[in-house]
Amino acid sequence: MLKKELLIGLLAMASCYSAVASNYNKNDALSIDKAITQDIDFQFPNDENTYPDISDFEVVNYVTMSNEQGDRRVTVTLTNRSSGNRIFVSEQIMALFANGDRLSPIETKITFKGRETQTLTLSFGNHHYPILKVYTQQ
């Protein structure tokens, strides 16, 4: 009896796995975008005065990623420059896109200890243009 239940369980798991695998599309996979020097100063107009919220977080480095559907993500290393604990929220960082758009990532909230450095992957949703720069404001 136990063998029969085990076999049924394994068959159910296998069918679930194949259903998930069939929903995977290789175009969904993210690729690292071509790296550009991170200290380039772009001069897109900012008529709406769009800036990240002032915070104690500093961008150490980042890597931009995208897929063929236009999903944009960034793996970014941030440092809390304060000696006290801080909560990082999405509005404290922005991405500059190749058409001049400035957007914060999809909602994120992460606690940092004083002087702590963490690497995060942030999603900036779907956008036609690539991300050129990621920045904070102290």
C-alpha atoms as a PDB file:
ATOM      1  CA  MET A   1       0.000   0.000   0.000  1.00  0.00           C
ATOM      2  CA  LEU A   2       2.814   2.394   0.889  1.00  0.00           C
ATOM      3  CA  LYS A   3       4.527   1.735  -2.455  1.00  0.00           C
ATOM      4  CA  LYS A   4       1.328   2.621  -4.309  1.00  0.00           C
ATOM      5  CA  GLU A   5       0.985   5.940  -2.393  1.00  0.00           C
ATOM      6  CA  LEU A   6       4.640   6.729  -3.013  1.00  0.00           C
ATOM      7  CA  LEU A   7       4.268   6.019  -6.728  1.00  0.00           C
ATOM      8  CA  ILE A   8       1.163   8.238  -6.952  1.00  0.00           C
ATOM      9  CA  GLY A   9       3.016  11.020  -5.125  1.00  0.00           C
ATOM     10  CA  LEU A  10       6.006  10.784  -7.458  1.00  0.00           C
ATOM     11  CA  LEU A  11       3.756  10.852 -10.531  1.00  0.00           C
ATOM     12  CA  ALA A  12       1.943  13.929  -9.199  1.00  0.00           C
ATOM     13  CA  MET A  13       5.260  15.703  -8.566  1.00  0.00           C
ATOM     14  CA  ALA A  14       6.520  14.809 -12.045  1.00  0.00           C
ATOM     15  CA  SER A  15       3.391  16.184 -13.697  1.00  0.00           C
ATOM     16  CA  CYS A  16       3.688  19.435 -11.706  1.00  0.00           C
ATOM     17  CA  TYR A  17       7.344  19.747 -12.716  1.00  0.00           C
ATOM     18  CA  SER A  18       6.560  19.251 -16.401  1.00  0.00           C
ATOM     19  CA  ALA A  19       3.751  21.846 -16.220  1.00  0.00           C
ATOM     20  CA  VAL A  20       6.133  24.398 -14.693  1.00  0.00           C
ATOM     21  CA  ALA A  21       8.893  23.549 -17.171  1.00  0.00           C
ATOM     22  CA  SER A  22       6.535  23.936 -20.124  1.00  0.00           C
ATOM     23  CA  ASN A  23       5.624  27.469 -18.933  1.00  0.00           C
ATOM     24  CA  TYR A  24       9.300  28.488 -19.019  1.00  0.00           C
ATOM     25  CA  ASN A  25      10.258  30.518 -22.061  1.00  0.00           C
ATOM     26  CA  LYS A  26      13.945  30.918 -22.868  1.00  0.00           C
ATOM     27  CA  ASN A  27      13.212  34.555 -23.791  1.00  0.00           C
ATOM     28  CA  ASP A  28      12.337  35.176 -20.116  1.00  0.00           C
ATOM     29  CA  ALA A  29      15.939  34.538 -19.072  1.00  0.00           C
ATOM     30  CA  LEU A  30      17.849  37.661 -18.076  1.00  0.00           C
ATOM     31  CA  SER A  31      21.148  38.581 -19.720  1.00  0.00           C
ATOM     32  CA  ILE A  32      23.746  40.966 -18.384  1.00  0.00           C
ATOM     33  CA  ASP A  33      23.714  44.150 -20.436  1.00  0.00           C
ATOM     34  CA  LYS A  34      26.919  45.460 -21.943  1.00  0.00           C
ATOM     35  CA  ALA A  35      28.836  47.250 -19.217  1.00  0.00           C
ATOM     36  CA  ILE A  36      29.450  50.974 -19.494  1.00  0.00           C
ATOM     37  CA  THR A  37      31.725  53.053 -17.334  1.00  0.00           C
ATOM     38  CA  GLN A  38      29.741  53.854 -14.200  1.00  0.00           C
ATOM     39  CA  ASP A  39      31.112  57.371 -13.795  1.00  0.00           C
ATOM     40  CA  ILE A  40      29.706  58.786 -17.065  1.00  0.00           C
ATOM     41  CA  ASP A  41      27.689  61.946 -16.431  1.00  0.00           C
ATOM     42  CA  PHE A  42      24.582  61.962 -18.650  1.00  0.00           C
ATOM     43  CA  GLN A  43      22.892  65.320 -19.276  1.00  0.00           C
ATOM     44  CA  PHE A  44      19.273  64.395 -20.001  1.00  0.00           C
ATOM     45  CA  PRO A  45      16.841  67.190 -19.103  1.00  0.00           C
ATOM     46  CA  ASN A  46      15.081  66.674 -15.771  1.00  0.00           C
ATOM     47  CA  ASP A  47      12.207  69.133 -16.171  1.00  0.00           C
ATOM     48  CA  GLU A  48      10.112  67.358 -13.528  1.00  0.00           C
ATOM     49  CA  ASN A  49      12.982  67.470 -10.974  1.00  0.00           C
ATOM     50  CA  THR A  50      12.775  63.713 -10.429  1.00  0.00           C
ATOM     51  CA  TYR A  51      15.333  62.526  -7.876  1.00  0.00           C
ATOM     52  CA  PRO A  52      15.619  59.647  -5.423  1.00  0.00           C
ATOM     53  CA  ASP A  53      14.716  60.419  -1.809  1.00  0.00           C
ATOM     54  CA  ILE A  54      17.667  61.607   0.269  1.00  0.00           C
ATOM     55  CA  SER A  55      19.165  58.721   2.229  1.00  0.00           C
ATOM     56  CA  ASP A  56      22.335  57.365   3.831  1.00  0.00           C
ATOM     57  CA  PHE A  57      22.743  54.769   1.077  1.00  0.00           C
ATOM     58  CA  GLU A  58      25.548  54.866  -1.471  1.00  0.00           C
ATOM     59  CA  VAL A  59      25.799  52.809  -4.664  1.00  0.00           C
ATOM     60  CA  VAL A  60      29.089  50.886  -4.613  1.00  0.00           C
ATOM     61  CA  ASN A  61      28.575  49.148  -7.976  1.00  0.00           C
ATOM     62  CA  TYR A  62      25.859  47.622 -10.125  1.00  0.00           C
ATOM     63  CA  VAL A  63      25.176  45.346 -13.076  1.00  0.00           C
ATOM     64  CA  THR A  64      22.166  45.895 -15.338  1.00  0.00           C
ATOM     65  CA  MET A  65      20.211  42.975 -16.770  1.00  0.00           C
ATOM     66  CA  SER A  66      17.332  42.600 -19.216  1.00  0.00           C
ATOM     67  CA  ASN A  67      15.507  40.085 -21.375  1.00  0.00           C
ATOM     68  CA  GLU A  68      13.923  40.167 -24.824  1.00  0.00           C
ATOM     69  CA  GLN A  69      10.556  41.199 -23.348  1.00  0.00           C
ATOM     70  CA  GLY A  70      12.072  44.394 -21.884  1.00  0.00           C
ATOM     71  CA  ASP A  71      12.173  43.385 -18.218  1.00  0.00           C
ATOM     72  CA  ARG A  72      14.836  45.496 -16.488  1.00  0.00           C
ATOM     73  CA  ARG A  73      16.671  44.466 -13.320  1.00  0.00           C
ATOM     74  CA  VAL A  74      19.763  45.657 -11.544  1.00  0.00           C
ATOM     75  CA  THR A  75      22.021  43.805  -9.144  1.00  0.00           C
ATOM     76  CA  VAL A  76      23.337  46.640  -7.006  1.00  0.00           C
ATOM     77  CA  THR A  77      25.684  46.788  -4.028  1.00  0.00           C
ATOM     78  CA  LEU A  78      24.637  49.444  -1.516  1.00  0.00           C
ATOM     79  CA  THR A  79      26.360  50.697   1.631  1.00  0.00           C
ATOM     80  CA  ASN A  80      24.597  52.286   4.579  1.00  0.00           C
ATOM     81  CA  ARG A  81      26.957  55.173   5.365  1.00  0.00           C
ATOM     82  CA  SER A  82      25.289  55.808   8.721  1.00  0.00           C
ATOM     83  CA  SER A  83      26.487  54.193  11.953  1.00  0.00           C
ATOM     84  CA  GLY A  84      22.854  53.421  12.832  1.00  0.00           C
ATOM     85  CA  ASN A  85      20.394  50.938  11.376  1.00  0.00           C
ATOM     86  CA  ARG A  86      18.502  52.138   8.295  1.00  0.00           C
ATOM     87  CA  ILE A  87      15.648  50.777   6.186  1.00  0.00           C
ATOM     88  CA  PHE A  88      16.258  50.941   2.454  1.00  0.00           C
ATOM     89  CA  VAL A  89      13.103  51.615   0.422  1.00  0.00           C
ATOM     90  CA  SER A  90      12.622  51.784  -3.336  1.00  0.00           C
ATOM     91  CA  GLU A  91      12.217  55.557  -3.459  1.00  0.00           C
ATOM     92  CA  GLN A  92      15.850  55.974  -2.299  1.00  0.00           C
ATOM     93  CA  ILE A  93      17.332  54.732  -5.585  1.00  0.00           C
ATOM     94  CA  MET A  94      16.674  55.503  -9.248  1.00  0.00           C
ATOM     95  CA  ALA A  95      17.615  54.245 -12.658  1.00  0.00           C
ATOM     96  CA  LEU A  96      18.279  56.543 -15.599  1.00  0.00           C
ATOM     97  CA  PHE A  97      17.062  55.023 -18.867  1.00  0.00           C
ATOM     98  CA  ALA A  98      18.481  55.693 -22.341  1.00  0.00           C
ATOM     99  CA  ASN A  99      15.521  57.937 -23.236  1.00  0.00           C
ATOM    100  CA  GLY A 100      15.996  60.105 -20.121  1.00  0.00           C
ATOM    101  CA  ASP A 101      13.266  58.497 -18.000  1.00  0.00           C
ATOM    102  CA  ARG A 102      14.038  58.236 -14.289  1.00  0.00           C
ATOM    103  CA  LEU A 103      12.296  55.480 -12.329  1.00  0.00           C
ATOM    104  CA  SER A 104      12.539  53.843  -8.911  1.00  0.00           C
ATOM    105  CA  PRO A 105      12.335  50.049  -8.684  1.00  0.00           C
ATOM    106  CA  ILE A 106       9.268  48.034  -7.802  1.00  0.00           C
ATOM    107  CA  GLU A 107       8.608  48.299  -4.065  1.00  0.00           C
ATOM    108  CA  THR A 108      11.408  47.005  -1.868  1.00  0.00           C
ATOM    109  CA  LYS A 109      12.088  47.383   1.853  1.00  0.00           C
ATOM    110  CA  ILE A 110      15.301  46.001   3.396  1.00  0.00           C
ATOM    111  CA  THR A 111      16.964  46.653   6.768  1.00  0.00           C
ATOM    112  CA  PHE A 112      20.680  47.519   6.897  1.00  0.00           C
ATOM    113  CA  LYS A 113      22.812  47.616  10.029  1.00  0.00           C
ATOM    114  CA  GLY A 114      25.120  50.584  10.552  1.00  0.00           C
ATOM    115  CA  ARG A 115      27.880  50.737   7.900  1.00  0.00           C
ATOM    116  CA  GLU A 116      26.572  47.492   6.391  1.00  0.00           C
ATOM    117  CA  THR A 117      26.979  46.691   2.696  1.00  0.00           C
ATOM    118  CA  GLN A 118      24.505  44.426   0.895  1.00  0.00           C
ATOM    119  CA  THR A 119      23.963  43.313  -2.683  1.00  0.00           C
ATOM    120  CA  LEU A 120      20.348  43.327  -3.889  1.00  0.00           C
ATOM    121  CA  THR A 121      18.576  42.565  -7.139  1.00  0.00           C
ATOM    122  CA  LEU A 122      15.952  45.215  -7.906  1.00  0.00           C
ATOM    123  CA  SER A 123      13.268  45.072 -10.580  1.00  0.00           C
ATOM    124  CA  PHE A 124      12.520  48.194 -12.613  1.00  0.00           C
ATOM    125  CA  GLY A 125       9.632  46.580 -14.481  1.00  0.00           C
ATOM    126  CA  ASN A 126       9.302  46.583 -18.243  1.00  0.00           C
ATOM    127  CA  HIS A 127      10.841  49.384 -20.310  1.00  0.00           C
ATOM    128  CA  HIS A 128      11.698  49.755 -23.987  1.00  0.00           C
ATOM    129  CA  TYR A 129      15.029  51.519 -23.269  1.00  0.00           C
ATOM    130  CA  PRO A 130      18.016  50.092 -21.363  1.00  0.00           C
ATOM    131  CA  ILE A 131      19.217  51.349 -17.981  1.00  0.00           C
ATOM    132  CA  LEU A 132      22.285  53.582 -18.240  1.00  0.00           C
ATOM    133  CA  LYS A 133      22.884  54.470 -14.608  1.00  0.00           C
ATOM    134  CA  VAL A 134      21.689  53.669 -11.080  1.00  0.00           C
ATOM    135  CA  TYR A 135      22.096  56.270  -8.343  1.00  0.00           C
ATOM    136  CA  THR A 136      21.104  57.459  -4.875  1.00  0.00           C
ATOM    137  CA  GLN A 137      21.093  60.913  -3.292  1.00  0.00           C
ATOM    138  CA  GLN A 138      22.776  61.712   0.037  1.00  0.00           C
END
